[in-house]
C-alpha atoms as a PDB file:
ATOM      1  CA  MET A   1       5.143 -22.598  -3.923  1.00  0.00           C
ATOM      2  CA  LYS A   2       5.555 -24.882  -7.448  1.00  0.00           C
ATOM      3  CA  TYR A   3       4.373 -22.201 -10.211  1.00  0.00           C
ATOM      4  CA  GLU A   4       2.221 -22.364 -11.762  1.00  0.00           C
ATOM      5  CA  PRO A   5       1.825 -21.379 -16.289  1.00  0.00           C
ATOM      6  CA  GLU A   6      -0.885 -19.504 -16.120  1.00  0.00           C
ATOM      7  CA  ILE A   7       0.522 -16.514 -14.020  1.00  0.00           C
ATOM      8  CA  ARG A   8       1.564 -13.930 -15.638  1.00  0.00           C
ATOM      9  CA  ASN A   9       4.374 -11.657 -13.681  1.00  0.00           C
ATOM     10  CA  PRO A  10       4.439 -12.438 -10.527  1.00  0.00           C
ATOM     11  CA  ILE A  11       5.321 -10.490  -8.329  1.00  0.00           C
ATOM     12  CA  ILE A  12       9.412 -11.981  -6.737  1.00  0.00           C
ATOM     13  CA  LYS A  13      11.004 -11.143  -3.818  1.00  0.00           C
ATOM     14  CA  GLU A  14      14.516  -8.991  -5.871  1.00  0.00           C
ATOM     15  CA  GLU A  15      10.839  -6.269  -6.837  1.00  0.00           C
ATOM     16  CA  ILE A  16      10.171  -6.310  -2.949  1.00  0.00           C
ATOM     17  CA  GLU A  17      13.606  -5.913  -1.889  1.00  0.00           C
ATOM     18  CA  ASN A  18      13.910  -3.224  -4.511  1.00  0.00           C
ATOM     19  CA  LEU A  19      11.116  -1.289  -2.562  1.00  0.00           C
ATOM     20  CA  ARG A  20      11.793  -1.503   0.573  1.00  0.00           C
ATOM     21  CA  ASN A  21      15.316  -0.365  -0.787  1.00  0.00           C
ATOM     22  CA  ARG A  22      13.483   2.591  -2.467  1.00  0.00           C
ATOM     23  CA  ILE A  23      10.787   3.172   0.315  1.00  0.00           C
ATOM     24  CA  ARG A  24      12.817   5.548   2.780  1.00  0.00           C
ATOM     25  CA  ILE A  25      10.854   7.460   6.571  1.00  0.00           C
ATOM     26  CA  GLY A  26       9.225  10.538   5.749  1.00  0.00           C
ATOM     27  CA  ASP A  27       8.659   9.702   2.144  1.00  0.00           C
ATOM     28  CA  VAL A  28       5.057  10.739   1.118  1.00  0.00           C
ATOM     29  CA  LEU A  29       3.503   7.934  -0.889  1.00  0.00           C
ATOM     30  CA  PRO A  30      -0.177   7.679  -1.817  1.00  0.00           C
ATOM     31  CA  VAL A  31      -2.759   4.903   0.108  1.00  0.00           C
ATOM     32  CA  GLU A  32      -5.104   3.091  -0.595  1.00  0.00           C
ATOM     33  CA  VAL A  33      -7.546   3.191   2.650  1.00  0.00           C
ATOM     34  CA  ASN A  34     -10.879   2.143   3.358  1.00  0.00           C
ATOM     35  CA  LYS A  35     -13.156   4.869   5.501  1.00  0.00           C
ATOM     36  CA  ILE A  36     -16.431   4.583   6.498  1.00  0.00           C
ATOM     37  CA  ASP A  37     -19.022   6.441   4.051  1.00  0.00           C
ATOM     38  CA  TRP A  38     -21.448   7.578   5.202  1.00  0.00           C
ATOM     39  CA  SER A  39     -24.042   9.217   2.735  1.00  0.00           C
ATOM     40  CA  THR A  40     -25.401   5.561   2.835  1.00  0.00           C
ATOM     41  CA  GLU A  41     -27.706   3.531   5.846  1.00  0.00           C
ATOM     42  CA  SER A  42     -24.679   1.184   6.837  1.00  0.00           C
ATOM     43  CA  MET A  43     -22.557   1.166   6.918  1.00  0.00           C
ATOM     44  CA  VAL A  44     -20.555   0.698   3.467  1.00  0.00           C
ATOM     45  CA  PHE A  45     -16.242   0.558   3.711  1.00  0.00           C
ATOM     46  CA  ARG A  46     -15.498   2.493   0.819  1.00  0.00           C
ATOM     47  CA  GLN A  47     -11.119   2.951  -0.784  1.00  0.00           C
ATOM     48  CA  GLN A  48     -10.340   6.450   0.023  1.00  0.00           C
ATOM     49  CA  GLU A  49      -6.520   7.403  -2.097  1.00  0.00           C
ATOM     50  CA  LEU A  50      -4.258   8.746   0.655  1.00  0.00           C
ATOM     51  CA  ARG A  51      -0.926  10.922   0.636  1.00  0.00           C
ATOM     52  CA  CYS A  52       0.896   9.541   4.096  1.00  0.00           C
ATOM     53  CA  ARG A  53       3.806  10.137   5.384  1.00  0.00           C
ATOM     54  CA  VAL A  54       5.889   6.659   6.405  1.00  0.00           C
ATOM     55  CA  VAL A  55       6.898   7.018   9.429  1.00  0.00           C
ATOM     56  CA  LYS A  56       8.120   3.306  10.393  1.00  0.00           C
ATOM     57  CA  LYS A  57       9.535   0.066   7.771  1.00  0.00           C
ATOM     58  CA  TYR A  58       8.802  -3.636   9.012  1.00  0.00           C
ATOM     59  CA  LYS A  59       9.889  -6.674   6.841  1.00  0.00           C
ATOM     60  CA  HIS A  60       6.518  -7.912   5.066  1.00  0.00           C
ATOM     61  CA  VAL A  61       5.170  -3.693   6.282  1.00  0.00           C
ATOM     62  CA  ILE A  62       4.906  -0.419   5.709  1.00  0.00           C
ATOM     63  CA  GLU A  63       2.961   1.994   8.673  1.00  0.00           C
ATOM     64  CA  VAL A  64       2.144   5.320   7.681  1.00  0.00           C
ATOM     65  CA  GLU A  65       0.440   8.382   9.197  1.00  0.00           C
ATOM     66  CA  GLU A  66      -1.367  10.733   7.256  1.00  0.00           C
ATOM     67  CA  ARG A  67      -0.602  14.480   8.130  1.00  0.00           C
ATOM     68  CA  LYS A  68      -4.091  15.943   8.037  1.00  0.00           C
ATOM     69  CA  SER A  69      -4.951  14.077  11.160  1.00  0.00           C
ATOM     70  CA  GLY A  70      -2.135  12.425  12.430  1.00  0.00           C
ATOM     71  CA  ARG A  71      -3.644   8.717  12.286  1.00  0.00           C
ATOM     72  CA  ARG A  72      -1.535   5.711  11.376  1.00  0.00           C
ATOM     73  CA  TYR A  73      -2.569   3.287   9.154  1.00  0.00           C
ATOM     74  CA  THR A  74      -0.898  -0.329   7.611  1.00  0.00           C
ATOM     75  CA  THR A  75      -0.449  -1.793   3.525  1.00  0.00           C
ATOM     76  CA  THR A  76       2.231  -4.059   2.810  1.00  0.00           C
ATOM     77  CA  TYR A  77       4.870  -3.859  -0.681  1.00  0.00           C
ATOM     78  CA  VAL A  78       3.184  -6.424  -1.739  1.00  0.00           C
ATOM     79  CA  ASP A  79      -0.025  -3.464  -2.282  1.00  0.00           C
ATOM     80  CA  LEU A  80       2.074  -1.289  -3.320  1.00  0.00           C
ATOM     81  CA  LEU A  81       4.191  -2.885  -6.461  1.00  0.00           C
ATOM     82  CA  MET A  82       0.565  -3.534  -6.908  1.00  0.00           C
ATOM     83  CA  LYS A  83      -0.766  -0.269  -7.607  1.00  0.00           C
ATOM     84  CA  ASP A  84       2.425   0.615  -9.586  1.00  0.00           C
ATOM     85  CA  ARG A  85       1.349  -2.313 -12.191  1.00  0.00           C
ATOM     86  CA  ARG A  86      -2.863  -1.043 -11.980  1.00  0.00           C
ATOM     87  CA  LEU A  87      -1.153   2.491 -12.716  1.00  0.00           C
ATOM     88  CA  GLY A  88       1.240   1.133 -14.970  1.00  0.00           C
ATOM     89  CA  ALA A  89       4.796   3.464 -13.821  1.00  0.00           C
END
């Protein structure tokens, strides 16, 4: 992809590699998950932040498990980096 000047501060491969090396199996991460909102008549998904434990790591994806229910979700390293940037961490 050709670099476009209007993209400010893009995510680079080194940032993804650093995050990949920093995260270990068993770490607890805050992950944004889409959950069904049953308070309305129509099925609407809303984002909820859950603290989940890292179960497996793949090249681009992290598999996490919710402590209480045992449900497993997936997220990407890029999603975690974007969330960190939004929060200013």
